[in-house]
Amino acid sequence: MKKIIFALLVLGLYLIASCVDDKPNEDQLQNGKETSFGGFTKEQCDAANGYWNECGSPCAGTDAEVCIQMCQVQCECGGIAGFGCPSGYKCRLTGKIADEMGVCVKE
C-alpha cells in the first residue's frame, strides 16, 4: 500500500512539474519577440536608453513592503545612470531614494 501511495505521489509531482512553462505566453510576445509587462520589446527599451531586465521585481517603484518573489521582464529606468523609457511611457519611482531605479509604465 505504501508503494502505491508513493508511486502516486511521485507521478503527481511529475505532472505538476511538467505543467510549469517557462516560455512567454502570447501576451508577452510581439512579432515573436519577448515583451515587458508594459508591452514593448528589448530593442525599444535599448533605443530609449533603458535597462532591460529579464528578471526584475514586479513591485519596482511601488514602495510595497511585501512583494511576490517572481521574475518579471521589464525595462528599468532612472538611477544614477539616467536610464530612460520608450515614448508613451514614464518612469515609475517611489521618490523616496536618490538615484532610485524604477520601471517603465504606460503614461
N, C-alpha and C. Protein backbone atom coordinates (compact mmCIF):
# COMPACT_ATOMS: atom_id res chain seq x y z
N MET A 1 0.82 -1.20 0.00
CA MET A 1 0.00 0.00 0.00
C MET A 1 0.86 1.26 0.00
N LYS A 2 1.96 1.23 0.79
CA LYS A 2 2.84 2.38 0.87
C LYS A 2 3.50 2.63 -0.48
N LYS A 3 3.82 1.56 -1.22
CA LYS A 3 4.47 1.71 -2.52
C LYS A 3 3.52 2.37 -3.52
N ILE A 4 2.25 2.02 -3.45
CA ILE A 4 1.26 2.60 -4.36
C ILE A 4 1.08 4.09 -4.06
N ILE A 5 0.98 4.45 -2.80
CA ILE A 5 0.84 5.85 -2.41
C ILE A 5 2.07 6.63 -2.83
N PHE A 6 3.25 6.06 -2.62
CA PHE A 6 4.50 6.73 -3.02
C PHE A 6 4.54 6.91 -4.53
N ALA A 7 4.16 5.90 -5.29
CA ALA A 7 4.16 5.99 -6.75
C ALA A 7 3.19 7.06 -7.23
N LEU A 8 2.01 7.12 -6.62
CA LEU A 8 1.03 8.15 -6.99
C LEU A 8 1.53 9.55 -6.64
N LEU A 9 2.21 9.69 -5.52
CA LEU A 9 2.78 10.97 -5.12
C LEU A 9 3.85 11.42 -6.11
N VAL A 10 4.74 10.52 -6.49
CA VAL A 10 5.79 10.83 -7.46
C VAL A 10 5.17 11.20 -8.81
N LEU A 11 4.18 10.44 -9.24
CA LEU A 11 3.50 10.73 -10.50
C LEU A 11 2.81 12.10 -10.45
N GLY A 12 2.17 12.40 -9.35
CA GLY A 12 1.51 13.70 -9.19
C GLY A 12 2.50 14.85 -9.24
N LEU A 13 3.64 14.71 -8.57
CA LEU A 13 4.67 15.74 -8.61
C LEU A 13 5.22 15.92 -10.02
N TYR A 14 5.40 14.82 -10.72
CA TYR A 14 5.89 14.90 -12.10
C TYR A 14 4.89 15.65 -12.99
N LEU A 15 3.61 15.34 -12.84
CA LEU A 15 2.59 16.00 -13.65
C LEU A 15 2.52 17.49 -13.34
N ILE A 16 2.64 17.86 -12.08
CA ILE A 16 2.62 19.27 -11.71
C ILE A 16 3.84 19.99 -12.28
N ALA A 17 5.00 19.37 -12.17
CA ALA A 17 6.24 19.97 -12.68
C ALA A 17 6.21 20.11 -14.19
N SER A 18 5.58 19.18 -14.89
CA SER A 18 5.55 19.25 -16.35
C SER A 18 4.57 20.32 -16.84
N CYS A 19 3.67 20.78 -15.98
CA CYS A 19 2.72 21.83 -16.36
C CYS A 19 3.33 23.22 -16.30
N VAL A 20 4.44 23.37 -15.59
CA VAL A 20 5.09 24.67 -15.47
C VAL A 20 5.79 24.98 -16.78
N ASP A 21 5.48 26.14 -17.35
CA ASP A 21 6.03 26.53 -18.65
C ASP A 21 6.80 27.83 -18.49
N ASP A 22 8.11 27.81 -18.75
CA ASP A 22 8.94 29.00 -18.61
C ASP A 22 8.90 29.87 -19.85
N LYS A 23 8.23 29.41 -20.91
CA LYS A 23 8.19 30.18 -22.14
C LYS A 23 7.17 31.31 -21.99
N PRO A 24 7.43 32.46 -22.63
CA PRO A 24 6.47 33.55 -22.56
C PRO A 24 5.16 33.19 -23.23
N ASN A 25 4.04 33.68 -22.67
CA ASN A 25 2.75 33.40 -23.29
C ASN A 25 2.49 34.41 -24.41
N GLU A 26 1.36 34.30 -25.09
CA GLU A 26 1.06 35.17 -26.23
C GLU A 26 1.04 36.63 -25.86
N ASP A 27 0.62 36.96 -24.62
CA ASP A 27 0.59 38.34 -24.18
C ASP A 27 1.99 38.93 -24.02
N GLN A 28 2.99 38.07 -23.88
CA GLN A 28 4.36 38.52 -23.68
C GLN A 28 5.17 38.48 -24.97
N LEU A 29 4.54 38.22 -26.11
CA LEU A 29 5.24 38.17 -27.38
C LEU A 29 4.72 39.24 -28.32
N GLN A 30 5.63 39.85 -29.06
CA GLN A 30 5.28 40.84 -30.07
C GLN A 30 6.16 40.53 -31.28
N ASN A 31 5.55 40.08 -32.36
CA ASN A 31 6.29 39.65 -33.55
C ASN A 31 7.35 38.61 -33.20
N GLY A 32 7.01 37.70 -32.28
CA GLY A 32 7.93 36.64 -31.90
C GLY A 32 9.00 37.06 -30.91
N LYS A 33 8.98 38.32 -30.46
CA LYS A 33 9.97 38.81 -29.51
C LYS A 33 9.32 39.00 -28.15
N GLU A 34 10.07 38.68 -27.09
CA GLU A 34 9.54 38.82 -25.74
C GLU A 34 9.37 40.29 -25.41
N THR A 35 8.27 40.61 -24.74
CA THR A 35 8.00 41.99 -24.35
C THR A 35 7.96 42.10 -22.83
N SER A 36 8.10 43.33 -22.35
CA SER A 36 7.99 43.58 -20.92
C SER A 36 6.51 43.60 -20.55
N PHE A 37 6.22 43.74 -19.25
CA PHE A 37 4.82 43.82 -18.86
C PHE A 37 4.18 45.09 -19.39
N GLY A 38 4.98 46.07 -19.82
CA GLY A 38 4.46 47.29 -20.41
C GLY A 38 4.10 47.13 -21.87
N GLY A 39 4.56 46.04 -22.49
CA GLY A 39 4.20 45.76 -23.86
C GLY A 39 5.21 46.18 -24.91
N PHE A 40 6.42 46.51 -24.53
CA PHE A 40 7.43 46.87 -25.52
C PHE A 40 8.57 45.86 -25.49
N THR A 41 9.38 45.86 -26.54
CA THR A 41 10.44 44.86 -26.69
C THR A 41 11.77 45.38 -26.14
N LYS A 42 12.73 44.48 -26.06
CA LYS A 42 14.08 44.82 -25.60
C LYS A 42 14.68 45.89 -26.50
N GLU A 43 14.45 45.78 -27.80
CA GLU A 43 15.00 46.75 -28.74
C GLU A 43 14.45 48.16 -28.47
N GLN A 44 13.16 48.25 -28.16
CA GLN A 44 12.55 49.54 -27.84
C GLN A 44 13.12 50.10 -26.54
N CYS A 45 13.33 49.24 -25.57
CA CYS A 45 13.91 49.66 -24.29
C CYS A 45 15.34 50.16 -24.51
N ASP A 46 16.13 49.41 -25.27
CA ASP A 46 17.51 49.80 -25.54
C ASP A 46 17.58 51.12 -26.30
N ALA A 47 16.68 51.31 -27.26
CA ALA A 47 16.66 52.54 -28.05
C ALA A 47 16.35 53.76 -27.19
N ALA A 48 15.60 53.58 -26.11
CA ALA A 48 15.25 54.67 -25.21
C ALA A 48 16.27 54.83 -24.09
N ASN A 49 17.39 54.10 -24.18
CA ASN A 49 18.44 54.12 -23.17
C ASN A 49 17.93 53.58 -21.83
N GLY A 50 17.03 52.59 -21.89
CA GLY A 50 16.55 51.92 -20.69
C GLY A 50 17.42 50.71 -20.39
N TYR A 51 17.16 50.06 -19.28
CA TYR A 51 17.90 48.86 -18.90
C TYR A 51 16.93 47.68 -18.90
N TRP A 52 17.11 46.76 -19.84
CA TRP A 52 16.24 45.59 -19.97
C TRP A 52 16.62 44.57 -18.91
N ASN A 53 15.67 44.21 -18.08
CA ASN A 53 15.91 43.25 -17.01
C ASN A 53 15.01 42.05 -17.22
N GLU A 54 15.63 40.89 -17.46
CA GLU A 54 14.88 39.65 -17.69
C GLU A 54 14.20 39.14 -16.42
N CYS A 55 14.71 39.55 -15.27
CA CYS A 55 14.17 39.04 -14.01
C CYS A 55 14.05 40.16 -12.98
N GLY A 56 13.21 41.14 -13.30
CA GLY A 56 13.00 42.26 -12.39
C GLY A 56 11.88 42.00 -11.40
N SER A 57 11.78 42.86 -10.42
CA SER A 57 10.75 42.74 -9.40
C SER A 57 9.44 43.36 -9.88
N PRO A 58 8.32 42.65 -9.75
CA PRO A 58 7.04 43.23 -10.15
C PRO A 58 6.63 44.41 -9.27
N CYS A 59 7.32 44.63 -8.16
CA CYS A 59 6.99 45.72 -7.24
C CYS A 59 7.92 46.92 -7.39
N ALA A 60 8.77 46.92 -8.41
CA ALA A 60 9.72 48.03 -8.59
C ALA A 60 8.97 49.35 -8.69
N GLY A 61 9.40 50.32 -7.90
CA GLY A 61 8.81 51.64 -7.93
C GLY A 61 7.48 51.78 -7.23
N THR A 62 7.03 50.77 -6.52
CA THR A 62 5.71 50.84 -5.87
C THR A 62 5.79 51.12 -4.38
N ASP A 63 6.97 51.03 -3.78
CA ASP A 63 7.15 51.24 -2.35
C ASP A 63 6.40 50.19 -1.52
N ALA A 64 6.20 49.02 -2.11
CA ALA A 64 5.50 47.94 -1.40
C ALA A 64 6.39 47.37 -0.29
N GLU A 65 5.80 47.09 0.85
CA GLU A 65 6.56 46.49 1.94
C GLU A 65 6.67 44.98 1.76
N VAL A 66 5.70 44.39 1.10
CA VAL A 66 5.70 42.96 0.84
C VAL A 66 5.50 42.77 -0.65
N CYS A 67 6.29 41.88 -1.26
CA CYS A 67 6.20 41.68 -2.71
C CYS A 67 6.35 40.21 -3.05
N ILE A 68 5.63 39.78 -4.06
CA ILE A 68 5.74 38.41 -4.53
C ILE A 68 7.15 38.19 -5.09
N GLN A 69 7.71 37.05 -4.84
CA GLN A 69 9.06 36.73 -5.30
C GLN A 69 8.98 35.97 -6.61
N MET A 70 8.96 36.72 -7.71
CA MET A 70 8.94 36.11 -9.03
C MET A 70 9.59 37.06 -10.01
N CYS A 71 10.02 36.55 -11.12
CA CYS A 71 10.66 37.37 -12.15
C CYS A 71 9.62 37.99 -13.06
N GLN A 72 9.90 39.24 -13.47
CA GLN A 72 9.05 39.90 -14.44
C GLN A 72 9.96 40.66 -15.40
N VAL A 73 9.81 40.39 -16.69
CA VAL A 73 10.58 41.09 -17.69
C VAL A 73 10.14 42.55 -17.69
N GLN A 74 11.11 43.46 -17.61
CA GLN A 74 10.75 44.88 -17.57
C GLN A 74 11.89 45.75 -18.06
N CYS A 75 11.54 46.98 -18.41
CA CYS A 75 12.50 47.99 -18.81
C CYS A 75 12.69 48.91 -17.61
N GLU A 76 13.88 48.88 -17.02
CA GLU A 76 14.14 49.69 -15.85
C GLU A 76 14.61 51.08 -16.27
N CYS A 77 14.35 52.05 -15.42
CA CYS A 77 14.67 53.44 -15.73
C CYS A 77 15.19 54.14 -14.48
N GLY A 78 15.65 55.37 -14.67
CA GLY A 78 16.13 56.17 -13.55
C GLY A 78 17.52 55.78 -13.13
N GLY A 79 17.80 55.90 -11.86
CA GLY A 79 19.10 55.55 -11.33
C GLY A 79 20.18 56.56 -11.68
N ILE A 80 21.37 56.35 -11.16
CA ILE A 80 22.47 57.26 -11.39
C ILE A 80 22.89 57.28 -12.86
N ALA A 81 22.61 56.18 -13.57
CA ALA A 81 22.95 56.10 -15.00
C ALA A 81 21.95 56.87 -15.87
N GLY A 82 20.83 57.26 -15.31
CA GLY A 82 19.83 58.03 -16.05
C GLY A 82 19.13 57.24 -17.13
N PHE A 83 18.80 55.98 -16.86
CA PHE A 83 18.09 55.15 -17.83
C PHE A 83 16.74 55.79 -18.17
N GLY A 84 16.32 55.68 -19.44
CA GLY A 84 15.07 56.28 -19.89
C GLY A 84 14.02 55.25 -20.25
N CYS A 85 12.88 55.74 -20.72
CA CYS A 85 11.76 54.89 -21.13
C CYS A 85 11.39 55.20 -22.58
N PRO A 86 10.81 54.22 -23.30
CA PRO A 86 10.31 54.48 -24.66
C PRO A 86 9.23 55.56 -24.63
N SER A 87 8.99 56.21 -25.76
CA SER A 87 7.98 57.26 -25.79
C SER A 87 6.60 56.67 -25.49
N GLY A 88 5.80 57.42 -24.77
CA GLY A 88 4.49 56.95 -24.35
C GLY A 88 4.54 56.25 -23.00
N TYR A 89 5.73 56.17 -22.40
CA TYR A 89 5.90 55.52 -21.10
C TYR A 89 6.60 56.48 -20.16
N LYS A 90 6.37 56.31 -18.87
CA LYS A 90 7.04 57.12 -17.86
C LYS A 90 7.72 56.20 -16.86
N CYS A 91 8.64 56.77 -16.10
CA CYS A 91 9.39 56.00 -15.11
C CYS A 91 8.63 56.02 -13.78
N ARG A 92 8.22 54.84 -13.32
CA ARG A 92 7.51 54.73 -12.04
C ARG A 92 8.56 54.61 -10.92
N LEU A 93 8.60 55.62 -10.06
CA LEU A 93 9.54 55.67 -8.94
C LEU A 93 8.76 55.96 -7.66
N THR A 94 9.31 55.55 -6.52
CA THR A 94 8.68 55.89 -5.25
C THR A 94 9.02 57.32 -4.86
N GLY A 95 10.17 57.81 -5.29
CA GLY A 95 10.60 59.16 -4.96
C GLY A 95 11.21 59.29 -3.58
N LYS A 96 11.43 58.17 -2.91
CA LYS A 96 11.98 58.20 -1.55
C LYS A 96 13.49 58.01 -1.51
N ILE A 97 14.08 57.60 -2.64
CA ILE A 97 15.51 57.29 -2.66
C ILE A 97 16.16 58.09 -3.78
N ALA A 98 17.28 58.74 -3.47
CA ALA A 98 18.03 59.45 -4.52
C ALA A 98 18.60 58.41 -5.47
N ASP A 99 18.59 58.69 -6.74
CA ASP A 99 19.12 57.80 -7.78
C ASP A 99 18.44 56.43 -7.76
N GLU A 100 17.16 56.42 -7.47
CA GLU A 100 16.38 55.18 -7.41
C GLU A 100 16.17 54.60 -8.81
N MET A 101 16.17 53.28 -8.90
CA MET A 101 15.81 52.59 -10.14
C MET A 101 14.31 52.35 -10.11
N GLY A 102 13.66 52.64 -11.22
CA GLY A 102 12.22 52.39 -11.33
C GLY A 102 11.95 51.51 -12.52
N VAL A 103 10.72 51.50 -12.98
CA VAL A 103 10.31 50.67 -14.10
C VAL A 103 9.41 51.50 -15.01
N CYS A 104 9.53 51.26 -16.31
CA CYS A 104 8.73 52.00 -17.29
C CYS A 104 7.30 51.47 -17.33
N VAL A 105 6.34 52.39 -17.23
CA VAL A 105 4.92 52.05 -17.28
C VAL A 105 4.24 53.02 -18.26
N LYS A 106 3.09 52.61 -18.80
CA LYS A 106 2.36 53.48 -19.73
C LYS A 106 1.94 54.77 -19.03
N GLU A 107 2.00 55.88 -19.79
CA GLU A 107 1.59 57.17 -19.22
C GLU A 107 0.10 57.25 -19.08
